[in-house]
N, C-alpha and C. Protein backbone atom coordinates (compact mmCIF):
# COMPACT_ATOMS: atom_id res chain seq x y z
N MET A 1 6.39 -61.96 -55.13
CA MET A 1 7.79 -61.59 -55.06
C MET A 1 8.62 -62.87 -54.90
N ASN A 2 9.69 -62.97 -55.67
CA ASN A 2 10.62 -64.09 -55.57
C ASN A 2 11.80 -63.69 -54.72
N VAL A 3 12.22 -64.60 -53.86
CA VAL A 3 13.40 -64.37 -53.03
C VAL A 3 14.53 -65.21 -53.60
N ILE A 4 15.63 -64.57 -53.88
CA ILE A 4 16.80 -65.27 -54.43
C ILE A 4 17.88 -65.31 -53.36
N GLU A 5 18.31 -66.52 -53.04
CA GLU A 5 19.39 -66.67 -52.06
C GLU A 5 20.73 -66.45 -52.75
N CYS A 6 21.58 -65.65 -52.12
CA CYS A 6 22.86 -65.31 -52.73
C CYS A 6 24.06 -65.84 -51.95
N GLY A 7 23.83 -66.52 -50.85
CA GLY A 7 24.92 -67.00 -50.02
C GLY A 7 25.62 -68.20 -50.64
N PRO A 8 26.67 -68.64 -49.99
CA PRO A 8 27.41 -69.80 -50.50
C PRO A 8 26.54 -71.05 -50.46
N LYS A 9 26.74 -71.92 -51.43
CA LYS A 9 25.99 -73.17 -51.50
C LYS A 9 26.93 -74.33 -51.15
N PRO A 10 26.47 -75.25 -50.33
CA PRO A 10 27.31 -76.41 -50.00
C PRO A 10 27.63 -77.23 -51.25
N ASP A 11 28.80 -77.79 -51.30
CA ASP A 11 29.23 -78.64 -52.40
C ASP A 11 29.05 -80.10 -51.97
N GLN A 12 28.13 -80.81 -52.62
CA GLN A 12 27.81 -82.17 -52.19
C GLN A 12 29.00 -83.12 -52.33
N GLU A 13 29.82 -82.92 -53.35
CA GLU A 13 31.02 -83.76 -53.52
C GLU A 13 31.95 -83.60 -52.32
N LEU A 14 32.12 -82.37 -51.86
CA LEU A 14 32.95 -82.11 -50.68
C LEU A 14 32.34 -82.73 -49.43
N ILE A 15 31.04 -82.56 -49.26
CA ILE A 15 30.37 -83.12 -48.09
C ILE A 15 30.50 -84.64 -48.07
N ASP A 16 30.29 -85.28 -49.21
CA ASP A 16 30.41 -86.75 -49.29
C ASP A 16 31.82 -87.20 -48.95
N CYS A 17 32.82 -86.48 -49.47
CA CYS A 17 34.22 -86.82 -49.20
C CYS A 17 34.51 -86.71 -47.70
N LEU A 18 34.08 -85.61 -47.09
CA LEU A 18 34.33 -85.41 -45.66
C LEU A 18 33.59 -86.44 -44.82
N ASP A 19 32.36 -86.79 -45.21
CA ASP A 19 31.61 -87.83 -44.51
C ASP A 19 32.35 -89.16 -44.55
N ASN A 20 32.87 -89.51 -45.75
CA ASN A 20 33.62 -90.76 -45.88
C ASN A 20 34.88 -90.75 -45.02
N LEU A 21 35.60 -89.64 -45.03
CA LEU A 21 36.81 -89.54 -44.21
C LEU A 21 36.47 -89.64 -42.73
N LEU A 22 35.40 -89.00 -42.30
CA LEU A 22 34.99 -89.06 -40.90
C LEU A 22 34.62 -90.49 -40.50
N ASN A 23 33.89 -91.17 -41.36
CA ASN A 23 33.53 -92.57 -41.07
C ASN A 23 34.76 -93.45 -40.96
N GLU A 24 35.73 -93.24 -41.85
CA GLU A 24 36.97 -94.03 -41.80
C GLU A 24 37.77 -93.70 -40.54
N ALA A 25 37.78 -92.44 -40.12
CA ALA A 25 38.47 -92.07 -38.88
C ALA A 25 37.78 -92.69 -37.67
N LYS A 26 36.46 -92.67 -37.66
CA LYS A 26 35.71 -93.26 -36.55
C LYS A 26 35.93 -94.77 -36.46
N ALA A 27 36.17 -95.40 -37.62
CA ALA A 27 36.43 -96.84 -37.66
C ALA A 27 37.88 -97.16 -37.32
N GLY A 28 38.71 -96.12 -37.16
CA GLY A 28 40.12 -96.33 -36.85
C GLY A 28 40.98 -96.57 -38.06
N GLU A 29 40.40 -96.45 -39.25
CA GLU A 29 41.16 -96.71 -40.48
C GLU A 29 42.08 -95.54 -40.81
N ILE A 30 41.62 -94.32 -40.61
CA ILE A 30 42.45 -93.13 -40.84
C ILE A 30 43.07 -92.74 -39.50
N GLN A 31 44.39 -92.62 -39.48
CA GLN A 31 45.12 -92.33 -38.25
C GLN A 31 45.71 -90.92 -38.20
N SER A 32 45.84 -90.27 -39.34
CA SER A 32 46.39 -88.92 -39.42
C SER A 32 45.74 -88.21 -40.59
N ILE A 33 45.78 -86.89 -40.54
CA ILE A 33 45.25 -86.13 -41.67
C ILE A 33 46.00 -84.80 -41.78
N ALA A 34 46.23 -84.40 -43.02
CA ALA A 34 46.73 -83.07 -43.35
C ALA A 34 45.77 -82.53 -44.40
N TYR A 35 45.46 -81.24 -44.33
CA TYR A 35 44.45 -80.72 -45.23
C TYR A 35 44.74 -79.28 -45.63
N VAL A 36 44.14 -78.91 -46.76
CA VAL A 36 44.16 -77.53 -47.25
C VAL A 36 42.71 -77.19 -47.57
N VAL A 37 42.29 -75.97 -47.22
CA VAL A 37 40.92 -75.57 -47.49
C VAL A 37 40.88 -74.27 -48.29
N LEU A 38 39.81 -74.11 -49.05
CA LEU A 38 39.51 -72.89 -49.78
C LEU A 38 38.09 -72.49 -49.37
N THR A 39 37.92 -71.30 -48.83
CA THR A 39 36.61 -70.87 -48.36
C THR A 39 35.80 -70.23 -49.48
N ASP A 40 34.55 -69.94 -49.19
CA ASP A 40 33.69 -69.28 -50.16
C ASP A 40 34.16 -67.87 -50.50
N LYS A 41 35.01 -67.31 -49.66
CA LYS A 41 35.56 -65.97 -49.91
C LYS A 41 36.96 -66.03 -50.53
N LYS A 42 37.36 -67.23 -50.95
CA LYS A 42 38.67 -67.48 -51.59
C LYS A 42 39.84 -67.36 -50.62
N ASP A 43 39.56 -67.41 -49.32
CA ASP A 43 40.63 -67.50 -48.33
C ASP A 43 41.11 -68.95 -48.29
N THR A 44 42.36 -69.14 -47.93
CA THR A 44 42.90 -70.49 -47.84
C THR A 44 43.40 -70.75 -46.42
N GLY A 45 43.52 -72.01 -46.11
CA GLY A 45 44.05 -72.41 -44.82
C GLY A 45 44.54 -73.84 -44.89
N ASN A 46 45.22 -74.26 -43.86
CA ASN A 46 45.70 -75.64 -43.82
C ASN A 46 45.86 -76.06 -42.37
N GLY A 47 46.01 -77.35 -42.20
CA GLY A 47 46.20 -77.86 -40.85
C GLY A 47 46.44 -79.36 -40.87
N TRP A 48 46.53 -79.92 -39.69
CA TRP A 48 46.73 -81.36 -39.56
C TRP A 48 46.26 -81.80 -38.20
N ALA A 49 46.10 -83.11 -38.08
CA ALA A 49 45.73 -83.71 -36.80
C ALA A 49 46.40 -85.07 -36.69
N ALA A 50 46.86 -85.38 -35.49
CA ALA A 50 47.46 -86.68 -35.18
C ALA A 50 48.64 -87.02 -36.08
N MET A 51 49.51 -86.05 -36.28
CA MET A 51 50.65 -86.25 -37.20
C MET A 51 51.84 -86.95 -36.55
N ASP A 52 51.68 -87.52 -35.40
CA ASP A 52 52.80 -88.19 -34.74
C ASP A 52 52.91 -89.66 -35.14
N LYS A 53 52.19 -90.08 -36.16
CA LYS A 53 52.12 -91.50 -36.51
C LYS A 53 52.76 -91.84 -37.84
N GLY A 54 53.56 -91.01 -38.41
CA GLY A 54 54.17 -91.31 -39.69
C GLY A 54 54.45 -90.06 -40.49
N ASN A 55 55.12 -89.12 -39.88
CA ASN A 55 55.34 -87.82 -40.50
C ASN A 55 56.02 -87.88 -41.85
N VAL A 56 57.06 -88.69 -41.98
CA VAL A 56 57.80 -88.75 -43.24
C VAL A 56 56.92 -89.30 -44.36
N ILE A 57 56.13 -90.30 -44.06
CA ILE A 57 55.22 -90.87 -45.05
C ILE A 57 54.19 -89.82 -45.47
N MET A 58 53.67 -89.07 -44.50
CA MET A 58 52.67 -88.05 -44.81
C MET A 58 53.27 -86.95 -45.68
N ILE A 59 54.48 -86.53 -45.40
CA ILE A 59 55.12 -85.49 -46.20
C ILE A 59 55.33 -85.98 -47.63
N ALA A 60 55.73 -87.21 -47.79
CA ALA A 60 55.91 -87.77 -49.13
C ALA A 60 54.58 -87.82 -49.87
N GLU A 61 53.53 -88.20 -49.19
CA GLU A 61 52.21 -88.26 -49.81
C GLU A 61 51.70 -86.88 -50.19
N LEU A 62 52.00 -85.88 -49.37
CA LEU A 62 51.63 -84.51 -49.71
C LEU A 62 52.34 -84.04 -50.98
N GLU A 63 53.58 -84.42 -51.14
CA GLU A 63 54.31 -84.06 -52.37
C GLU A 63 53.68 -84.73 -53.58
N LEU A 64 53.24 -85.98 -53.44
CA LEU A 64 52.56 -86.65 -54.55
C LEU A 64 51.24 -85.96 -54.87
N LEU A 65 50.50 -85.56 -53.84
CA LEU A 65 49.25 -84.84 -54.04
C LEU A 65 49.50 -83.52 -54.76
N LYS A 66 50.53 -82.81 -54.35
CA LYS A 66 50.87 -81.54 -54.99
C LYS A 66 51.13 -81.75 -56.48
N GLN A 67 51.88 -82.78 -56.83
CA GLN A 67 52.16 -83.05 -58.24
C GLN A 67 50.89 -83.44 -58.99
N ASP A 68 50.02 -84.23 -58.35
CA ASP A 68 48.74 -84.60 -58.98
C ASP A 68 47.90 -83.36 -59.27
N LEU A 69 47.84 -82.43 -58.32
CA LEU A 69 47.08 -81.20 -58.52
C LEU A 69 47.66 -80.37 -59.66
N ILE A 70 48.97 -80.24 -59.70
CA ILE A 70 49.62 -79.49 -60.78
C ILE A 70 49.28 -80.13 -62.12
N ASN A 71 49.40 -81.43 -62.22
CA ASN A 71 49.10 -82.13 -63.47
C ASN A 71 47.64 -81.92 -63.88
N HIS A 72 46.73 -81.97 -62.90
CA HIS A 72 45.31 -81.78 -63.18
C HIS A 72 45.05 -80.39 -63.77
N PHE A 73 45.63 -79.36 -63.15
CA PHE A 73 45.38 -78.01 -63.63
C PHE A 73 46.08 -77.72 -64.95
N VAL A 74 47.21 -78.33 -65.19
CA VAL A 74 47.86 -78.19 -66.49
C VAL A 74 46.98 -78.83 -67.56
N GLU A 75 46.42 -79.99 -67.26
CA GLU A 75 45.54 -80.67 -68.20
C GLU A 75 44.30 -79.82 -68.48
N LEU A 76 43.71 -79.23 -67.45
CA LEU A 76 42.55 -78.35 -67.66
C LEU A 76 42.90 -77.15 -68.52
N ARG A 77 44.05 -76.58 -68.24
CA ARG A 77 44.49 -75.42 -69.05
C ARG A 77 44.65 -75.82 -70.51
N ASN A 78 45.25 -76.98 -70.74
CA ASN A 78 45.45 -77.45 -72.11
C ASN A 78 44.13 -77.70 -72.82
N GLU A 79 43.15 -78.24 -72.09
CA GLU A 79 41.83 -78.49 -72.69
C GLU A 79 41.14 -77.18 -73.07
N HIS A 80 41.30 -76.15 -72.24
CA HIS A 80 40.63 -74.88 -72.50
C HIS A 80 41.36 -74.04 -73.57
N SER A 81 42.62 -74.35 -73.83
CA SER A 81 43.35 -73.56 -74.82
C SER A 81 43.24 -74.14 -76.21
N GLN A 82 42.58 -75.25 -76.36
CA GLN A 82 42.45 -75.88 -77.70
C GLN A 82 41.27 -75.33 -78.45
């Protein structure tokens, strides 16, 4: 009998990214963070930590990230519609 696992599988790219961020935070290089998450059940969430060190800069960077994400998904849509 074969057993097939059906649960969520960890994403190595995500794990590597989080490991790198954690190492940079432990080294004191990262001073603040804002994040958005998507769970295996398609729930979303967001949060931040240590945002008292440059709020205006962080908000501006979030807007740039938002535009980068929009551009990425528009590009993917265009690739799939050809």
